[in-house]
Amino acid sequence: MNGTAKGLDYWRRELAAVRMPVLSTAQALETLLDPGIGMDTLRTMLHGDIPLALEVILLAAREPRIDGEVQGLQHALNMLGVDKVQALARRCADQGLNASAAARHEAVRAMATSQFGRVLQADWAHHHGGEHAEYLEWLTLLLGVARWKLPLAAPELHQEIEARAAAGERRARVEEALLGCSPVELNAAHLQDLGLPASPALTTIMDRAGTMLAHAGRYAWQGGMAPELPIALARYLHQRGADAVLAHLIAWATHDNWYGGHTATLLHAASAMTNLPLDEIVASTRRVAVSISHAAAFIDHRPVACERFFWPPPPPRSPGAPMPASRAAARPADSDAHTDGWHARSQHAGDDRTRLVTTRLEGETQADEPSSAAPKATQPKAHGGIGGEPVTEIIEAFMQNCQHGRYRDLRAFFADTAHTLEQGLGLARCLLFLKASAADRLSCYFAYGFAPEDNAKALWVPAGDDNLLARLFRHAAGSTCIDRTRLAAGRRQLPEVLRAHVRPAGFLLGAIHLGDRPVGVIWADGGDADPVLDANRHAEFKHMIRHFGAEFTRLTQALRR
C-alpha cells in the first residue's frame, strides 16, 4: 500500500515540515492574549494546549544561555515572559489548519495517549516525591511527538499502522517495517531537529526497556510484601527517566489493547518500579484514563484510546468452533489469542456488532478474586434472547449481584449489564451517557450493540437544553418508555444526533445516579429485533437500572480510593 519504506532521513524531513494545530478555542486564545493575564493563568491554559505549550518550550530552548536544556513549561515561561509567549501564540493560532479534519482528529487522539502517559507518571511521582517532577512529565510527553505528527504527515500510512496494531501486531514493529526506521530513533532525531538536545542516557533506557521491564514484571507486588528487587534491576528502574519511559510504553500499549499480555507485563513492571501493589497500579491506571477522557482538550475527539478498558476482548472460541473468516483474515500469524482489541472486534466481528463479555483481565492476580465473603457474580442457567420476553431469573441474578457487591470492577459490571439487557430484557442495544462535573454535555461512555459505522462512543447531547435526555437527567425522573404509540413525539424531543438511531419499536430511557446525585442517562432498545416495549418490559428495566445505579456508585467510589 505504501511502497518501499522511506527510512529515517525521509521521515525527519516530513515531520519537520508538520505544524501541529493548537487546541485552544477562539475564546481561550482571546483570554490567553489578554494583556492583563497572570503567569499562573497562562501556565494553566498552556497545560490544556499541548501543541502550543510545546512551541513555548522549543522557543525557550533556542535561548543561547541554556543550550536547549529546558526543564519544563514553568522553566520556559520564566525564561520568556508573558509578552514573548503571547507573541508566539498569535503566530501559532492558525497553524496546522491546512490538514484534513480527520488527520487533525487522529493527531489529537495521539496527544491524548501521550497525555495519559504524562499524568500516569505524575501519579506515580505523587506517591514518592522526588526531584525534576515537571521535567519528567514533559519528558514522558515528548517521547510521543513523532506519533502525534505522523497522522498529519502521512494519513494513509498512519491508518495502516492503526489497523494492524488494533488487529494484534506490536505497534513498534509495524512502525519500523512501514517507516524503515525505529520509531524510538525517529522520535529522538525529530526532537533534535526541533532544537532539543540529544539524551544518550535516555536512549540507553529505551534500548534496554524490553528486556528489563519484562524482568521487572516478575517482581510485581501481588502478595503480603513487595518482593526485593535484584540490584541490577533496581538500578535500571530507579534511574532518572525510567519512569517516564515506562509510563509512555503503558500509554501506547493500552492505546492498542488494554487486555493484552504486553500491557499486563508493563503494569506488573510498574508495580515493581513504584513499590505499589499491582491492584493499586491497575486501579490508578484506569482512574487516570477516565480523567484524560474528561479533559476539555479531548472531549470533542472521544473515544480517546486510553478509555478503552470499558471494552474487554471477545470471548474465547469454543474448542473446534471455526473462526469467522473476516477475523481469521485480519489476525496476524504471530499474534496470540489475547491481542484482539476494541478496534479489531468492531472492524472484524462476524456480525458487525460490538459485544461485551465477562473475561478476566490479563495481569490480575489471585488477590483480585473476590473472597468467600464477597462471592463472584452469579450467572443464571436460564437464557432469553434479543427481542424475546423478559427472563426474570436473569434480571433477578443481576440485581442480586448488585445488591451484594459481587462485581470485581467496572469491566465485569458493564459486561454483565450488557448480558442482562440482551438476554434478560431482550434489548439489543445500549448507550450510557454520563456528565462530567464541569461539562455542559452528556457524553457516551459505554455502548454495545451498535455497528462500527455508528461511532456510538462519539455521541454526546447537550445537558442544558430541553431535549428528552437532558430533562430526564435534570429532574432525575426515573425512567420513560417511548413505545410505538409515542414514537413520533419522542423522536421530536431528541437531539438531532440521536434521531437517526431510533428504531420503529421505540426505546427506553432511565436516569442514573451516584448516590443521590444524577450523573447520566441510559438508553436501551431492541435494535433490529423490534420487541414490544410494553409495561412489563418497562417495569423490569426500571428495577434493573435502580440496582445498576447503586452498584455503579460503589465501583466508582472504589476507583477514587
Protein backbone atom coordinates (compact mmCIF):
# COMPACT_ATOMS: atom_id res chain seq x y z
CA MET A 1 0.00 0.00 0.00
CA ASN A 2 2.76 2.48 0.95
CA GLY A 3 5.52 1.18 -1.28
CA THR A 4 9.07 0.83 -0.06
CA ALA A 5 9.74 2.12 3.46
CA LYS A 6 11.38 5.53 3.14
CA GLY A 7 13.85 5.49 6.05
CA LEU A 8 14.97 7.85 8.80
CA ASP A 9 16.18 10.82 6.73
CA TYR A 10 12.96 10.97 4.72
CA TRP A 11 10.72 10.94 7.78
CA ARG A 12 12.85 13.51 9.59
CA ARG A 13 12.17 15.91 6.72
CA GLU A 14 8.47 15.07 6.62
CA LEU A 15 7.92 15.55 10.36
CA ALA A 16 9.98 18.74 10.41
CA ALA A 17 7.52 20.23 7.91
CA VAL A 18 4.48 19.47 10.07
CA ARG A 19 2.98 22.17 12.26
CA MET A 20 0.63 20.90 14.96
CA PRO A 21 -2.73 22.70 15.20
CA VAL A 22 -3.30 24.41 18.52
CA LEU A 23 -6.11 23.04 20.70
CA SER A 24 -7.32 26.29 22.28
CA THR A 25 -10.68 27.60 21.17
CA ALA A 26 -11.01 31.16 19.86
CA GLN A 27 -12.38 32.20 23.26
CA ALA A 28 -9.46 30.55 25.09
CA LEU A 29 -6.95 32.25 22.78
CA GLU A 30 -8.61 35.60 23.46
CA THR A 31 -8.16 35.03 27.20
CA LEU A 32 -4.58 33.86 26.68
CA LEU A 33 -3.77 37.04 24.71
CA ASP A 34 -5.30 39.37 27.32
CA PRO A 35 -2.61 41.93 28.28
CA GLY A 36 -3.53 41.56 31.94
CA ILE A 37 -3.13 37.78 32.15
CA GLY A 38 -1.03 36.48 35.05
CA MET A 39 1.74 33.92 34.74
CA ASP A 40 -0.19 31.28 36.71
CA THR A 41 -3.27 31.60 34.48
CA LEU A 42 -1.09 31.49 31.38
CA ARG A 43 0.62 28.33 32.59
CA THR A 44 -2.72 26.66 33.37
CA MET A 45 -4.09 27.46 29.92
CA LEU A 46 -0.97 26.19 28.17
CA HIS A 47 -1.22 22.91 30.06
CA GLY A 48 -4.53 22.41 28.26
CA ASP A 49 -2.97 23.09 24.84
CA ILE A 50 -0.09 20.68 24.34
CA PRO A 51 1.00 21.85 20.84
CA LEU A 52 1.16 25.48 21.93
CA ALA A 53 2.98 24.56 25.15
CA LEU A 54 5.49 22.60 23.06
CA GLU A 55 6.10 25.67 20.88
CA VAL A 56 6.80 27.66 24.06
CA ILE A 57 9.33 25.08 25.23
CA LEU A 58 11.02 24.97 21.82
CA LEU A 59 11.27 28.77 21.73
CA ALA A 60 12.86 28.77 25.18
CA ALA A 61 15.28 26.03 24.09
CA ARG A 62 16.71 28.43 21.48
CA GLU A 63 17.90 30.79 24.22
CA PRO A 64 21.70 30.55 23.97
CA ARG A 65 22.37 30.69 27.71
CA ILE A 66 20.67 27.32 28.47
CA ASP A 67 21.87 25.32 25.44
CA GLY A 68 18.48 23.69 24.90
CA GLU A 69 18.17 22.34 28.46
CA VAL A 70 14.58 23.35 29.22
CA GLN A 71 13.29 21.67 32.37
CA GLY A 72 9.61 22.05 31.59
CA LEU A 73 6.87 24.56 30.85
CA GLN A 74 7.36 26.63 34.01
CA HIS A 75 11.08 26.98 33.24
CA ALA A 76 10.25 28.05 29.66
CA LEU A 77 7.73 30.65 30.87
CA ASN A 78 10.25 32.08 33.33
CA MET A 79 12.79 32.32 30.50
CA LEU A 80 10.47 34.04 28.01
CA GLY A 81 7.98 36.09 29.98
CA VAL A 82 4.35 36.79 29.12
CA ASP A 83 4.93 39.13 26.16
CA LYS A 84 7.06 36.67 24.16
CA VAL A 85 4.65 33.81 24.85
CA GLN A 86 1.67 35.88 23.70
CA ALA A 87 3.50 36.90 20.52
CA LEU A 88 4.23 33.23 19.85
CA ALA A 89 0.57 32.32 20.43
CA ARG A 90 -0.51 34.89 17.84
CA ARG A 91 1.86 33.36 15.28
CA CYS A 92 0.67 29.80 16.03
CA ALA A 93 -3.07 30.45 16.15
CA ASP A 94 -3.76 29.31 12.58
CA GLN A 95 -1.01 26.75 12.08
CA GLY A 96 -1.86 23.20 11.02
CA LEU A 97 -5.34 24.07 9.75
CA ASN A 98 -4.47 23.01 6.20
CA ALA A 99 -4.59 19.36 7.31
CA SER A 100 -7.86 17.46 6.98
CA ALA A 101 -10.24 17.28 9.93
CA ALA A 102 -9.73 13.50 10.09
CA ALA A 103 -5.93 13.89 10.28
CA ARG A 104 -6.20 16.55 13.00
CA HIS A 105 -8.59 14.30 14.91
CA GLU A 106 -6.08 11.41 14.83
CA ALA A 107 -3.24 13.73 15.87
CA VAL A 108 -5.23 14.93 18.90
CA ARG A 109 -6.07 11.35 19.86
CA ALA A 110 -2.35 10.51 19.75
CA MET A 111 -1.67 13.51 22.00
CA ALA A 112 -4.33 12.22 24.40
CA THR A 113 -2.44 8.94 24.66
CA SER A 114 0.80 10.78 25.45
CA GLN A 115 -1.04 12.95 27.98
CA PHE A 116 -2.29 9.73 29.58
CA GLY A 117 1.35 8.67 29.99
CA ARG A 118 2.30 12.07 31.42
CA VAL A 119 -0.43 12.03 34.08
CA LEU A 120 0.35 8.40 34.87
CA GLN A 121 4.00 9.28 35.54
CA ALA A 122 2.91 12.25 37.67
CA ASP A 123 0.57 9.96 39.64
CA TRP A 124 3.47 7.62 40.44
CA ALA A 125 5.69 10.56 41.40
CA HIS A 126 3.00 11.84 43.74
CA HIS A 127 3.42 8.70 45.86
CA HIS A 128 7.18 9.01 46.11
CA GLY A 129 8.07 12.68 45.69
CA GLY A 130 11.48 13.23 44.16
CA GLU A 131 13.13 15.92 42.07
CA HIS A 132 12.69 17.08 38.48
CA ALA A 133 8.91 16.48 38.58
CA GLU A 134 7.95 18.77 35.68
CA TYR A 135 10.95 17.73 33.61
CA LEU A 136 9.92 14.06 33.85
CA GLU A 137 6.28 14.87 32.99
CA TRP A 138 7.37 16.70 29.85
CA LEU A 139 9.87 14.00 29.01
CA THR A 140 7.00 11.49 29.04
CA LEU A 141 5.03 13.68 26.66
CA LEU A 142 7.94 14.32 24.29
CA LEU A 143 8.52 10.60 23.77
CA GLY A 144 5.36 10.59 21.64
CA VAL A 145 5.87 13.69 19.42
CA ALA A 146 6.61 11.73 16.22
CA ARG A 147 3.39 9.76 16.69
CA TRP A 148 1.40 13.00 17.08
CA LYS A 149 2.71 14.28 13.77
CA LEU A 150 2.52 11.12 11.69
CA PRO A 151 -1.27 11.36 11.02
CA LEU A 152 -0.64 14.85 9.59
CA ALA A 153 2.45 13.88 7.60
CA ALA A 154 1.15 10.58 6.19
CA PRO A 155 -2.54 9.93 6.93
CA GLU A 156 -2.82 6.70 4.92
CA LEU A 157 0.29 5.17 6.44
CA HIS A 158 -0.95 6.16 9.90
CA GLN A 159 -4.26 4.39 9.24
CA GLU A 160 -2.42 1.25 8.17
CA ILE A 161 -0.37 1.29 11.38
CA GLU A 162 -3.51 1.78 13.48
CA ALA A 163 -5.36 -1.05 11.74
CA ARG A 164 -2.52 -3.53 12.12
CA ALA A 165 -1.85 -2.56 15.74
CA ALA A 166 -5.57 -2.92 16.53
CA ALA A 167 -5.56 -6.36 14.89
CA GLY A 168 -2.90 -7.56 17.32
CA GLU A 169 0.50 -6.74 15.83
CA ARG A 170 3.00 -4.93 18.05
CA ARG A 171 2.87 -1.24 17.12
CA ALA A 172 6.61 -0.57 17.23
CA ARG A 173 7.32 -3.49 14.88
CA VAL A 174 4.68 -2.32 12.40
CA GLU A 175 6.05 1.22 12.51
CA GLU A 176 9.61 0.07 11.92
CA ALA A 177 8.53 -2.10 8.97
CA LEU A 178 6.49 0.66 7.30
CA LEU A 179 8.72 3.63 8.12
CA GLY A 180 12.04 1.93 7.50
CA CYS A 181 13.43 3.09 10.84
CA SER A 182 12.86 2.55 14.55
CA PRO A 183 10.10 4.79 16.00
CA VAL A 184 12.34 5.47 19.00
CA GLU A 185 15.18 6.52 16.70
CA LEU A 186 12.84 8.70 14.63
CA ASN A 187 11.38 10.47 17.68
CA ALA A 188 14.81 11.14 19.16
CA ALA A 189 16.10 12.51 15.84
CA HIS A 190 13.00 14.67 15.38
CA LEU A 191 13.36 16.20 18.85
CA GLN A 192 16.95 17.14 17.95
CA ASP A 193 15.69 18.67 14.69
CA LEU A 194 13.30 20.76 16.80
CA GLY A 195 16.22 22.08 18.84
CA LEU A 196 16.20 19.86 21.92
CA PRO A 197 19.46 18.22 22.99
CA ALA A 198 20.22 14.53 22.49
CA SER A 199 19.96 12.30 25.56
CA PRO A 200 22.27 9.27 25.35
CA ALA A 201 21.15 8.11 28.83
CA LEU A 202 17.51 8.10 27.74
CA THR A 203 18.42 6.21 24.57
CA THR A 204 20.08 3.54 26.71
CA ILE A 205 16.96 3.25 28.88
CA MET A 206 14.78 2.84 25.80
CA ASP A 207 17.11 0.31 24.20
CA ARG A 208 17.06 -1.91 27.30
CA ALA A 209 13.37 -1.43 28.14
CA GLY A 210 12.08 -4.62 26.51
CA THR A 211 14.37 -6.97 28.43
CA MET A 212 14.48 -5.10 31.73
CA LEU A 213 10.76 -4.39 32.03
CA ALA A 214 9.87 -7.99 31.21
CA HIS A 215 12.26 -8.98 34.01
CA ALA A 216 10.73 -6.36 36.33
CA GLY A 217 7.25 -7.76 35.70
CA ARG A 218 8.20 -10.87 37.67
CA TYR A 219 8.66 -8.73 40.78
CA ALA A 220 5.20 -7.14 40.90
CA TRP A 221 3.77 -6.75 44.40
CA GLN A 222 0.97 -9.32 44.47
CA GLY A 223 1.12 -10.78 47.97
CA GLY A 224 1.60 -9.59 51.52
CA MET A 225 5.01 -7.98 50.97
CA ALA A 226 6.70 -6.39 47.99
CA PRO A 227 9.46 -8.63 46.53
CA GLU A 228 13.04 -7.41 46.86
CA LEU A 229 14.48 -6.34 43.51
CA PRO A 230 17.86 -7.61 42.26
CA ILE A 231 20.44 -4.84 42.46
CA ALA A 232 20.95 -4.50 38.70
CA LEU A 233 17.20 -4.34 38.06
CA ALA A 234 16.63 -1.79 40.85
CA ARG A 235 19.43 0.36 39.42
CA TYR A 236 17.76 0.33 35.98
CA LEU A 237 14.24 1.05 37.28
CA HIS A 238 15.28 3.89 39.55
CA GLN A 239 17.49 5.85 37.17
CA ARG A 240 16.22 9.24 36.05
CA GLY A 241 13.83 8.91 33.13
CA ALA A 242 12.97 5.21 33.52
CA ASP A 243 9.52 6.00 34.93
CA ALA A 244 8.84 8.36 32.01
CA VAL A 245 9.75 5.60 29.55
CA LEU A 246 7.52 3.06 31.32
CA ALA A 247 4.56 5.46 31.52
CA HIS A 248 4.96 6.19 27.80
CA LEU A 249 5.05 2.48 26.98
CA ILE A 250 1.98 1.71 29.11
CA ALA A 251 0.02 4.54 27.49
CA TRP A 252 0.73 3.25 24.00
CA ALA A 253 0.23 -0.40 24.93
CA THR A 254 -3.25 0.43 26.24
CA HIS A 255 -3.85 2.52 23.12
CA ASP A 256 -3.82 -0.77 21.20
CA ASN A 257 -5.04 -3.32 23.76
CA TRP A 258 -5.80 -2.87 27.46
CA TYR A 259 -6.15 -6.61 27.90
CA GLY A 260 -3.11 -7.97 26.06
CA GLY A 261 -0.12 -9.72 27.58
CA HIS A 262 2.21 -6.82 26.72
CA THR A 263 0.08 -4.35 28.71
CA ALA A 264 -0.13 -6.77 31.64
CA THR A 265 3.67 -7.16 31.69
CA LEU A 266 4.16 -3.39 31.75
CA LEU A 267 1.64 -2.93 34.58
CA HIS A 268 3.47 -5.60 36.56
CA ALA A 269 6.72 -3.73 35.89
CA ALA A 270 5.11 -0.50 37.13
CA SER A 271 4.25 -2.26 40.38
CA ALA A 272 7.88 -3.29 40.78
CA MET A 273 9.20 0.17 39.88
CA THR A 274 6.87 2.15 42.15
CA ASN A 275 6.78 -0.37 45.00
CA LEU A 276 2.99 -0.24 44.91
CA PRO A 277 0.62 -3.25 44.93
CA LEU A 278 -0.39 -4.44 41.48
CA ASP A 279 -4.12 -3.98 42.10
CA GLU A 280 -3.43 -0.37 43.11
CA ILE A 281 -1.44 0.18 39.90
CA VAL A 282 -4.26 -1.27 37.78
CA ALA A 283 -6.91 0.83 39.56
CA SER A 284 -4.91 4.07 39.34
CA THR A 285 -4.14 3.47 35.66
CA ARG A 286 -7.85 3.15 34.91
CA ARG A 287 -8.64 6.19 37.03
CA VAL A 288 -6.13 8.30 35.10
CA ALA A 289 -7.57 7.02 31.81
CA VAL A 290 -11.04 8.22 32.78
CA SER A 291 -9.70 11.64 33.84
CA ILE A 292 -7.98 12.12 30.46
CA SER A 293 -11.18 11.26 28.60
CA HIS A 294 -12.88 14.11 30.52
CA ALA A 295 -10.19 16.70 29.66
CA ALA A 296 -11.59 19.67 27.77
CA ALA A 297 -8.91 19.43 25.07
CA PHE A 298 -10.01 15.92 24.11
CA ILE A 299 -13.76 15.95 24.74
CA ASP A 300 -14.55 16.54 21.05
CA HIS A 301 -12.21 13.72 19.97
CA ARG A 302 -13.62 10.87 22.01
CA PRO A 303 -13.35 7.99 22.29
CA VAL A 304 -9.70 8.53 23.10
CA ALA A 305 -7.77 5.30 23.23
CA CYS A 306 -6.96 5.42 26.94
CA GLU A 307 -10.61 4.82 27.92
CA ARG A 308 -10.90 1.54 26.01
CA PHE A 309 -10.68 -0.55 29.18
CA PHE A 310 -14.50 -0.37 29.16
CA TRP A 311 -14.38 -2.93 26.32
CA PRO A 312 -12.96 -6.35 27.15
CA PRO A 313 -11.69 -8.68 24.42
CA PRO A 314 -14.07 -11.02 22.59
CA PRO A 315 -14.86 -14.37 24.22
CA PRO A 316 -12.56 -17.31 23.51
CA ARG A 317 -13.93 -19.61 20.84
CA SER A 318 -15.30 -22.98 21.86
CA PRO A 319 -13.00 -25.90 21.04
CA GLY A 320 -13.44 -26.82 17.40
CA ALA A 321 -15.52 -23.74 16.55
CA PRO A 322 -14.37 -22.09 13.34
CA MET A 323 -13.08 -18.56 13.49
CA PRO A 324 -15.18 -16.13 11.40
CA ALA A 325 -13.46 -15.65 8.07
CA SER A 326 -13.28 -11.87 8.43
CA ARG A 327 -11.33 -12.18 11.69
CA ALA A 328 -9.17 -15.04 10.52
CA ALA A 329 -8.01 -12.95 7.59
CA ALA A 330 -7.26 -9.94 9.78
CA ARG A 331 -5.42 -11.79 12.53
CA PRO A 332 -1.63 -11.90 12.05
CA ALA A 333 0.07 -15.27 12.16
CA ASP A 334 2.23 -14.41 15.14
CA SER A 335 -0.46 -12.86 17.35
CA ASP A 336 -1.87 -14.67 20.35
CA ALA A 337 -5.43 -15.25 21.46
CA HIS A 338 -5.45 -12.27 23.80
CA THR A 339 -4.41 -9.48 21.45
CA ASP A 340 -7.71 -8.64 19.78
CA GLY A 341 -8.64 -5.12 21.00
CA TRP A 342 -11.69 -2.92 20.65
CA HIS A 343 -10.87 -1.79 17.12
CA ALA A 344 -10.21 -5.32 15.93
CA ARG A 345 -13.51 -6.51 17.35
CA SER A 346 -15.53 -3.64 15.95
CA GLN A 347 -13.97 -4.00 12.49
CA HIS A 348 -13.83 -7.76 12.18
CA ALA A 349 -16.58 -9.24 14.36
CA GLY A 350 -18.60 -11.71 12.32
CA ASP A 351 -21.94 -9.99 12.87
CA ASP A 352 -20.54 -6.44 12.67
CA ARG A 353 -21.81 -5.77 16.18
CA THR A 354 -19.85 -4.88 19.28
CA ARG A 355 -20.41 -7.29 22.15
CA LEU A 356 -19.34 -7.35 25.77
CA VAL A 357 -18.34 -10.48 27.63
CA THR A 358 -17.16 -11.17 31.15
CA THR A 359 -13.46 -12.03 30.96
CA ARG A 360 -10.52 -11.85 33.29
CA LEU A 361 -8.02 -9.03 32.78
CA GLU A 362 -4.60 -10.40 31.94
CA GLY A 363 -2.34 -9.47 34.82
CA GLU A 364 -5.00 -9.53 37.53
CA THR A 365 -3.78 -11.71 40.32
CA GLN A 366 -5.37 -14.16 42.71
CA ALA A 367 -5.51 -11.31 45.18
CA ASP A 368 -8.02 -9.63 42.86
CA GLU A 369 -10.50 -12.50 43.17
CA PRO A 370 -13.45 -11.93 45.50
CA SER A 371 -13.15 -13.72 48.81
CA SER A 372 -15.72 -16.13 50.18
CA ALA A 373 -17.25 -13.16 51.98
CA ALA A 374 -17.76 -11.46 48.59
CA PRO A 375 -18.66 -14.24 46.17
CA LYS A 376 -18.31 -13.91 42.42
CA ALA A 377 -21.24 -12.63 40.41
CA THR A 378 -23.58 -15.50 39.74
CA GLN A 379 -24.93 -16.38 36.30
CA PRO A 380 -28.37 -17.97 35.93
CA LYS A 381 -28.88 -21.04 33.79
CA ALA A 382 -31.95 -19.63 32.04
CA HIS A 383 -31.38 -17.56 28.96
CA GLY A 384 -33.60 -15.44 26.80
CA GLY A 385 -32.58 -13.58 23.70
CA ILE A 386 -32.80 -10.37 21.72
CA GLY A 387 -36.42 -9.39 21.17
CA GLY A 388 -37.78 -12.13 23.43
CA GLU A 389 -39.89 -11.79 26.53
CA PRO A 390 -38.11 -10.67 29.74
CA VAL A 391 -36.45 -13.51 31.66
CA THR A 392 -36.99 -12.75 35.33
CA GLU A 393 -34.28 -15.15 36.50
CA ILE A 394 -31.54 -13.31 34.57
CA ILE A 395 -32.72 -9.88 35.73
CA GLU A 396 -33.01 -11.06 39.34
CA ALA A 397 -29.49 -12.51 39.24
CA PHE A 398 -28.12 -9.13 38.08
CA MET A 399 -29.97 -7.31 40.87
CA GLN A 400 -28.70 -9.78 43.48
CA ASN A 401 -25.14 -9.37 42.21
CA CYS A 402 -25.51 -5.58 42.51
CA GLN A 403 -27.03 -5.75 45.99
CA HIS A 404 -24.20 -7.92 47.30
CA GLY A 405 -21.38 -6.02 45.58
CA ARG A 406 -20.17 -9.05 43.63
CA TYR A 407 -18.62 -7.24 40.67
CA ARG A 408 -14.85 -7.01 40.85
CA ASP A 409 -14.52 -3.95 38.61
CA LEU A 410 -16.36 -1.79 36.09
CA ARG A 411 -15.35 -4.05 33.22
CA ALA A 412 -17.07 -7.09 34.70
CA PHE A 413 -20.03 -4.93 35.76
CA PHE A 414 -20.59 -3.50 32.27
CA ALA A 415 -20.18 -6.94 30.73
CA ASP A 416 -22.98 -8.35 32.88
CA THR A 417 -25.10 -5.24 32.30
CA ALA A 418 -24.92 -5.94 28.57
CA HIS A 419 -25.73 -9.62 29.14
CA THR A 420 -28.74 -8.76 31.30
CA LEU A 421 -30.17 -6.19 28.92
CA GLU A 422 -29.72 -8.51 25.97
CA GLN A 423 -30.60 -11.92 27.37
CA GLY A 424 -32.84 -10.84 30.25
CA LEU A 425 -34.74 -7.92 28.72
CA GLY A 426 -34.37 -8.73 25.03
CA LEU A 427 -32.77 -5.33 24.35
CA ALA A 428 -30.05 -5.50 21.73
CA ARG A 429 -28.50 -2.04 22.11
CA CYS A 430 -27.47 0.25 24.93
CA LEU A 431 -25.89 3.70 25.35
CA LEU A 432 -24.75 5.10 28.71
CA PHE A 433 -24.45 8.89 28.75
CA LEU A 434 -22.63 10.48 31.70
CA LYS A 435 -21.99 14.09 32.62
CA ALA A 436 -18.58 15.11 33.98
CA SER A 437 -18.81 17.65 36.79
CA ALA A 438 -17.53 20.65 34.80
CA ALA A 439 -19.02 19.65 31.44
CA ASP A 440 -22.13 21.03 29.76
CA ARG A 441 -22.94 17.80 27.91
CA LEU A 442 -23.88 14.18 28.43
CA SER A 443 -21.23 12.10 26.66
CA CYS A 444 -21.47 8.43 25.71
CA TYR A 445 -19.14 6.39 27.94
CA PHE A 446 -20.36 2.90 27.18
CA ALA A 447 -22.11 1.38 24.19
CA TYR A 448 -22.93 -2.04 22.87
CA GLY A 449 -24.92 -3.47 20.01
CA PHE A 450 -24.15 -0.64 17.58
CA ALA A 451 -22.38 -1.13 14.25
CA PRO A 452 -18.86 0.37 13.96
CA GLU A 453 -20.02 2.96 11.42
CA ASP A 454 -22.45 4.33 14.02
CA ASN A 455 -19.42 5.59 16.03
CA ALA A 456 -21.63 5.38 19.12
CA LYS A 457 -18.87 6.26 21.58
CA ALA A 458 -18.50 9.70 19.96
CA LEU A 459 -22.15 10.63 20.64
CA TRP A 460 -22.98 13.44 23.04
CA VAL A 461 -26.05 15.55 23.79
CA PRO A 462 -26.38 18.97 25.45
CA ALA A 463 -27.16 18.75 29.15
CA GLY A 464 -28.69 22.21 29.45
CA ASP A 465 -31.35 22.44 26.75
CA ASP A 466 -34.84 20.97 26.52
CA ASN A 467 -34.06 17.64 24.85
CA LEU A 468 -35.59 14.49 26.34
CA LEU A 469 -32.37 13.10 27.84
CA ALA A 470 -31.42 16.44 29.42
CA ARG A 471 -34.85 16.79 31.03
CA LEU A 472 -34.72 13.27 32.39
CA PHE A 473 -31.22 13.95 33.76
CA ARG A 474 -32.04 17.31 35.36
CA HIS A 475 -35.24 16.20 37.02
CA ALA A 476 -33.92 12.75 38.00
CA ALA A 477 -37.27 11.50 36.74
CA GLY A 478 -36.55 7.78 36.93
CA SER A 479 -37.36 6.37 33.51
CA THR A 480 -39.60 6.65 30.50
CA CYS A 481 -40.79 4.28 27.78
CA ILE A 482 -41.13 5.67 24.26
CA ASP A 483 -43.10 2.90 22.55
CA ARG A 484 -44.62 2.87 19.07
CA THR A 485 -47.58 4.97 20.16
CA ARG A 486 -45.34 7.77 21.48
CA LEU A 487 -42.51 7.44 18.95
CA ALA A 488 -43.28 10.43 16.74
CA ALA A 489 -43.48 12.82 19.71
CA GLY A 490 -40.48 11.21 21.41
CA ARG A 491 -38.30 11.46 18.31
CA ARG A 492 -39.04 15.21 18.01
CA GLN A 493 -37.75 15.72 21.56
CA LEU A 494 -34.41 14.02 20.87
CA PRO A 495 -31.25 15.83 19.80
CA GLU A 496 -30.60 15.54 16.07
CA VAL A 497 -27.64 13.17 16.57
CA LEU A 498 -29.89 10.54 18.20
CA ARG A 499 -32.85 10.65 15.84
CA ALA A 500 -31.07 8.56 13.21
CA HIS A 501 -30.58 5.77 15.77
CA VAL A 502 -34.27 5.40 16.72
CA ARG A 503 -35.84 2.05 15.78
CA PRO A 504 -39.54 1.53 14.93
CA ALA A 505 -40.28 -0.23 18.23
CA GLY A 506 -39.05 2.77 20.24
CA PHE A 507 -36.63 2.98 23.16
CA LEU A 508 -36.33 3.11 26.96
CA LEU A 509 -34.56 5.83 28.95
CA GLY A 510 -33.56 5.85 32.61
CA ALA A 511 -31.73 8.32 34.87
CA ILE A 512 -28.57 7.02 36.57
CA HIS A 513 -27.47 8.23 40.00
CA LEU A 514 -24.29 8.19 42.05
CA GLY A 515 -25.80 8.05 45.49
CA ASP A 516 -28.47 10.77 45.40
CA ARG A 517 -26.82 12.77 42.60
CA PRO A 518 -27.92 12.26 38.97
CA VAL A 519 -24.89 11.61 36.75
CA GLY A 520 -26.29 10.28 33.49
CA VAL A 521 -28.93 8.61 31.38
CA ILE A 522 -29.07 5.10 29.94
CA TRP A 523 -30.73 4.36 26.58
CA ALA A 524 -31.77 0.83 25.59
CA ASP A 525 -33.68 -0.53 22.62
CA GLY A 526 -34.27 -3.76 20.73
CA GLY A 527 -32.22 -2.87 17.66
CA ASP A 528 -33.40 -4.70 14.57
CA ALA A 529 -35.28 -7.31 16.65
CA ASP A 530 -38.21 -4.91 17.11
CA PRO A 531 -39.52 -6.13 20.51
CA VAL A 532 -42.73 -4.82 22.04
CA LEU A 533 -41.87 -2.22 24.70
CA ASP A 534 -44.81 -2.93 26.96
CA ALA A 535 -45.44 -2.11 30.64
CA ASN A 536 -43.87 -5.38 31.80
CA ARG A 537 -40.57 -4.78 29.98
CA HIS A 538 -40.51 -1.17 31.17
CA ALA A 539 -41.07 -2.24 34.80
CA GLU A 540 -38.22 -4.74 34.65
CA PHE A 541 -36.00 -2.08 33.07
CA LYS A 542 -36.79 0.36 35.92
CA HIS A 543 -35.88 -2.24 38.54
CA MET A 544 -32.66 -3.06 36.76
CA ILE A 545 -31.37 0.50 36.38
CA ARG A 546 -32.10 1.30 40.02
CA HIS A 547 -29.74 -1.51 41.03
CA PHE A 548 -27.35 -0.52 38.23
CA GLY A 549 -27.02 2.94 39.81
CA ALA A 550 -26.26 1.55 43.27
CA GLU A 551 -23.51 -0.79 42.07
CA PHE A 552 -22.13 1.84 39.69
CA THR A 553 -21.82 4.15 42.72
CA ARG A 554 -19.91 1.52 44.72
CA LEU A 555 -17.49 0.70 41.91
CA THR A 556 -16.88 4.36 41.03
CA GLN A 557 -16.16 5.25 44.65
CA ALA A 558 -13.75 2.31 44.86
CA LEU A 559 -11.80 3.76 41.91
CA ARG A 560 -11.37 7.04 43.78
CA ARG A 561 -9.93 5.47 46.90
